[in-house]
């Protein structure tokens, strides 16, 4: 399977390849590495790392939602 930049992955500011949610869905399972875009809620990641990742994701989503609320207010 060949990867397509911008669809299956992107390169972050540190020069690391980051796999997208689309790629993970095509693969079909959580690899247990704690990937940034894991659509499987880190189901194969060991504790306590799993809880840390889920809490970080929740915090980021809350911050994103707050920023959207502020921009909507004008």
N, C-alpha and C. Protein backbone atom coordinates (compact mmCIF):
# COMPACT_ATOMS: atom_id res chain seq x y z
N UNK A 1 0.85 -1.18 0.00
CA UNK A 1 0.00 0.00 0.00
C UNK A 1 0.89 1.24 0.00
N UNK A 2 0.77 2.06 -1.02
CA UNK A 2 1.55 3.28 -1.06
C UNK A 2 0.77 4.40 -0.37
N UNK A 3 1.49 5.23 0.35
CA UNK A 3 0.87 6.31 1.11
C UNK A 3 0.87 7.59 0.28
N UNK A 4 -0.21 8.36 0.40
CA UNK A 4 -0.35 9.62 -0.32
C UNK A 4 -0.26 10.76 0.69
N UNK A 5 0.74 11.63 0.49
CA UNK A 5 0.91 12.77 1.40
C UNK A 5 -0.31 13.68 1.29
N UNK A 6 -0.80 14.12 2.43
CA UNK A 6 -1.98 14.97 2.48
C UNK A 6 -3.28 14.19 2.63
N UNK A 7 -3.25 12.91 2.31
CA UNK A 7 -4.42 12.04 2.49
C UNK A 7 -4.18 11.03 3.59
N UNK A 8 -3.08 10.30 3.47
CA UNK A 8 -2.77 9.24 4.43
C UNK A 8 -1.85 9.71 5.55
N UNK A 9 -1.12 10.78 5.27
CA UNK A 9 -0.17 11.30 6.26
C UNK A 9 0.17 12.74 5.93
N UNK A 10 0.78 13.41 6.91
CA UNK A 10 1.38 14.72 6.69
C UNK A 10 2.65 14.78 7.52
N UNK A 11 3.48 15.75 7.24
CA UNK A 11 4.72 15.93 7.99
C UNK A 11 4.51 17.10 8.94
N UNK A 12 4.72 16.85 10.24
CA UNK A 12 4.47 17.90 11.22
C UNK A 12 5.65 18.88 11.30
N UNK A 13 5.53 19.86 12.18
CA UNK A 13 6.54 20.91 12.32
C UNK A 13 7.89 20.38 12.78
N UNK A 14 7.91 19.19 13.36
CA UNK A 14 9.16 18.57 13.79
C UNK A 14 9.77 17.66 12.72
N UNK A 15 9.10 17.60 11.56
CA UNK A 15 9.60 16.77 10.46
C UNK A 15 9.19 15.31 10.57
N UNK A 16 8.27 15.01 11.47
CA UNK A 16 7.82 13.62 11.65
C UNK A 16 6.57 13.35 10.82
N UNK A 17 6.48 12.14 10.29
CA UNK A 17 5.31 11.73 9.53
C UNK A 17 4.18 11.38 10.50
N UNK A 18 3.01 11.97 10.29
CA UNK A 18 1.84 11.74 11.13
C UNK A 18 0.76 11.11 10.27
N UNK A 19 0.30 9.93 10.66
CA UNK A 19 -0.74 9.23 9.92
C UNK A 19 -2.11 9.84 10.22
N UNK A 20 -2.93 9.98 9.19
CA UNK A 20 -4.24 10.61 9.33
C UNK A 20 -5.29 9.62 9.83
N UNK A 21 -6.43 10.15 10.23
CA UNK A 21 -7.55 9.31 10.63
C UNK A 21 -7.98 8.41 9.47
N UNK A 22 -7.98 8.97 8.26
CA UNK A 22 -8.35 8.19 7.08
C UNK A 22 -7.47 6.95 6.95
N UNK A 23 -6.16 7.12 7.12
CA UNK A 23 -5.24 5.99 7.04
C UNK A 23 -5.59 4.94 8.10
N UNK A 24 -5.80 5.40 9.32
CA UNK A 24 -6.10 4.46 10.41
C UNK A 24 -7.40 3.69 10.15
N UNK A 25 -8.40 4.37 9.63
CA UNK A 25 -9.67 3.70 9.32
C UNK A 25 -9.48 2.64 8.23
N UNK A 26 -8.64 2.95 7.24
CA UNK A 26 -8.37 1.97 6.19
C UNK A 26 -7.61 0.77 6.75
N UNK A 27 -6.71 1.01 7.71
CA UNK A 27 -5.96 -0.10 8.32
C UNK A 27 -6.91 -0.98 9.12
N UNK A 28 -7.85 -0.36 9.84
CA UNK A 28 -8.90 -1.12 10.48
C UNK A 28 -8.74 -1.49 11.94
N UNK A 29 -7.67 -1.03 12.59
CA UNK A 29 -7.50 -1.37 14.00
C UNK A 29 -6.52 -0.40 14.67
N UNK A 30 -6.57 -0.35 15.98
CA UNK A 30 -5.63 0.45 16.77
C UNK A 30 -4.32 -0.32 16.88
N UNK A 31 -3.22 0.35 16.53
CA UNK A 31 -1.90 -0.31 16.55
C UNK A 31 -1.23 -0.26 17.91
N UNK A 32 -1.79 0.44 18.86
CA UNK A 32 -1.33 0.58 20.25
C UNK A 32 -0.16 1.55 20.42
N UNK A 33 0.14 2.36 19.40
CA UNK A 33 1.25 3.32 19.51
C UNK A 33 0.82 4.68 20.04
N UNK A 34 -0.47 4.89 20.23
CA UNK A 34 -0.94 6.18 20.73
C UNK A 34 -0.91 7.26 19.66
N UNK A 35 -1.28 6.92 18.46
CA UNK A 35 -1.24 7.84 17.32
C UNK A 35 -2.17 9.04 17.54
N UNK A 36 -1.74 10.20 17.09
CA UNK A 36 -2.49 11.44 17.27
C UNK A 36 -3.91 11.36 16.73
N UNK A 37 -4.10 10.72 15.59
CA UNK A 37 -5.41 10.70 14.93
C UNK A 37 -6.11 9.34 15.04
N UNK A 38 -5.82 8.57 16.07
CA UNK A 38 -6.43 7.26 16.25
C UNK A 38 -7.95 7.39 16.39
N UNK A 39 -8.71 6.77 15.46
CA UNK A 39 -10.17 6.84 15.55
C UNK A 39 -10.76 5.75 16.44
N UNK A 40 -9.92 4.96 17.06
CA UNK A 40 -10.38 3.81 17.86
C UNK A 40 -10.27 4.05 19.36
N UNK A 41 -10.15 5.33 19.76
CA UNK A 41 -10.04 5.69 21.18
C UNK A 41 -8.94 4.90 21.89
N UNK A 42 -7.86 4.67 21.17
CA UNK A 42 -6.66 4.04 21.75
C UNK A 42 -6.97 2.70 22.43
N UNK A 43 -7.86 1.92 21.84
CA UNK A 43 -8.35 0.70 22.49
C UNK A 43 -7.26 -0.32 22.80
N UNK A 44 -6.15 -0.32 22.08
CA UNK A 44 -5.08 -1.29 22.35
C UNK A 44 -3.90 -0.70 23.10
N UNK A 45 -4.01 0.54 23.55
CA UNK A 45 -2.94 1.21 24.28
C UNK A 45 -3.06 0.84 25.76
N UNK A 46 -1.95 0.54 26.38
CA UNK A 46 -1.93 0.16 27.79
C UNK A 46 -2.16 1.37 28.69
N UNK A 47 -2.72 1.09 29.87
CA UNK A 47 -2.86 2.12 30.90
C UNK A 47 -1.49 2.32 31.55
N UNK A 48 -1.18 3.49 32.04
CA UNK A 48 -2.00 4.69 32.13
C UNK A 48 -1.94 5.57 30.86
N UNK A 49 -1.14 5.18 29.88
CA UNK A 49 -0.99 6.00 28.68
C UNK A 49 -2.33 6.22 27.96
N UNK A 50 -3.18 5.20 27.93
CA UNK A 50 -4.48 5.32 27.26
C UNK A 50 -5.30 6.46 27.87
N UNK A 51 -5.40 6.49 29.18
CA UNK A 51 -6.17 7.53 29.87
C UNK A 51 -5.55 8.91 29.64
N UNK A 52 -4.23 8.99 29.66
CA UNK A 52 -3.55 10.27 29.41
C UNK A 52 -3.87 10.78 28.01
N UNK A 53 -3.82 9.90 27.02
CA UNK A 53 -4.12 10.30 25.64
C UNK A 53 -5.57 10.73 25.47
N UNK A 54 -6.49 10.00 26.07
CA UNK A 54 -7.90 10.35 25.97
C UNK A 54 -8.19 11.69 26.66
N UNK A 55 -7.56 11.93 27.81
CA UNK A 55 -7.75 13.20 28.52
C UNK A 55 -7.17 14.36 27.72
N UNK A 56 -6.01 14.15 27.09
CA UNK A 56 -5.40 15.20 26.27
C UNK A 56 -6.27 15.50 25.06
N UNK A 57 -6.83 14.48 24.45
CA UNK A 57 -7.71 14.69 23.29
C UNK A 57 -8.96 15.47 23.71
N UNK A 58 -9.54 15.09 24.85
CA UNK A 58 -10.74 15.77 25.33
C UNK A 58 -10.45 17.25 25.62
N UNK A 59 -9.31 17.52 26.24
CA UNK A 59 -8.93 18.90 26.55
C UNK A 59 -8.74 19.70 25.27
N UNK A 60 -8.10 19.11 24.28
CA UNK A 60 -7.88 19.81 23.01
C UNK A 60 -9.22 20.09 22.32
N UNK A 61 -10.14 19.15 22.36
CA UNK A 61 -11.45 19.35 21.75
C UNK A 61 -12.23 20.46 22.46
N UNK A 62 -12.12 20.51 23.78
CA UNK A 62 -12.80 21.56 24.54
C UNK A 62 -12.22 22.92 24.20
N UNK A 63 -10.90 23.01 24.09
CA UNK A 63 -10.25 24.27 23.75
C UNK A 63 -10.65 24.71 22.34
N UNK A 64 -10.73 23.76 21.43
CA UNK A 64 -11.13 24.05 20.05
C UNK A 64 -12.57 24.56 20.02
N UNK A 65 -13.44 23.94 20.77
CA UNK A 65 -14.84 24.35 20.84
C UNK A 65 -14.99 25.74 21.43
N UNK A 66 -14.18 26.06 22.44
CA UNK A 66 -14.23 27.39 23.05
C UNK A 66 -13.76 28.45 22.05
N UNK A 67 -12.74 28.14 21.28
CA UNK A 67 -12.24 29.08 20.28
C UNK A 67 -13.29 29.32 19.20
N UNK A 68 -14.00 28.28 18.80
CA UNK A 68 -15.07 28.43 17.80
C UNK A 68 -16.20 29.28 18.36
N UNK A 69 -16.53 29.09 19.64
CA UNK A 69 -17.58 29.89 20.27
C UNK A 69 -17.20 31.37 20.28
N UNK A 70 -15.94 31.67 20.61
CA UNK A 70 -15.48 33.07 20.65
C UNK A 70 -15.52 33.70 19.25
N UNK A 71 -15.12 32.95 18.24
CA UNK A 71 -15.12 33.52 16.89
C UNK A 71 -16.54 33.74 16.37
N UNK A 72 -17.48 32.92 16.81
CA UNK A 72 -18.88 33.08 16.38
C UNK A 72 -19.50 34.33 17.00
N UNK A 73 -18.99 34.70 18.18
CA UNK A 73 -19.53 35.88 18.86
C UNK A 73 -19.03 37.17 18.23
N UNK A 74 -17.96 37.05 17.50
CA UNK A 74 -17.55 38.17 16.70
C UNK A 74 -16.48 39.01 17.12
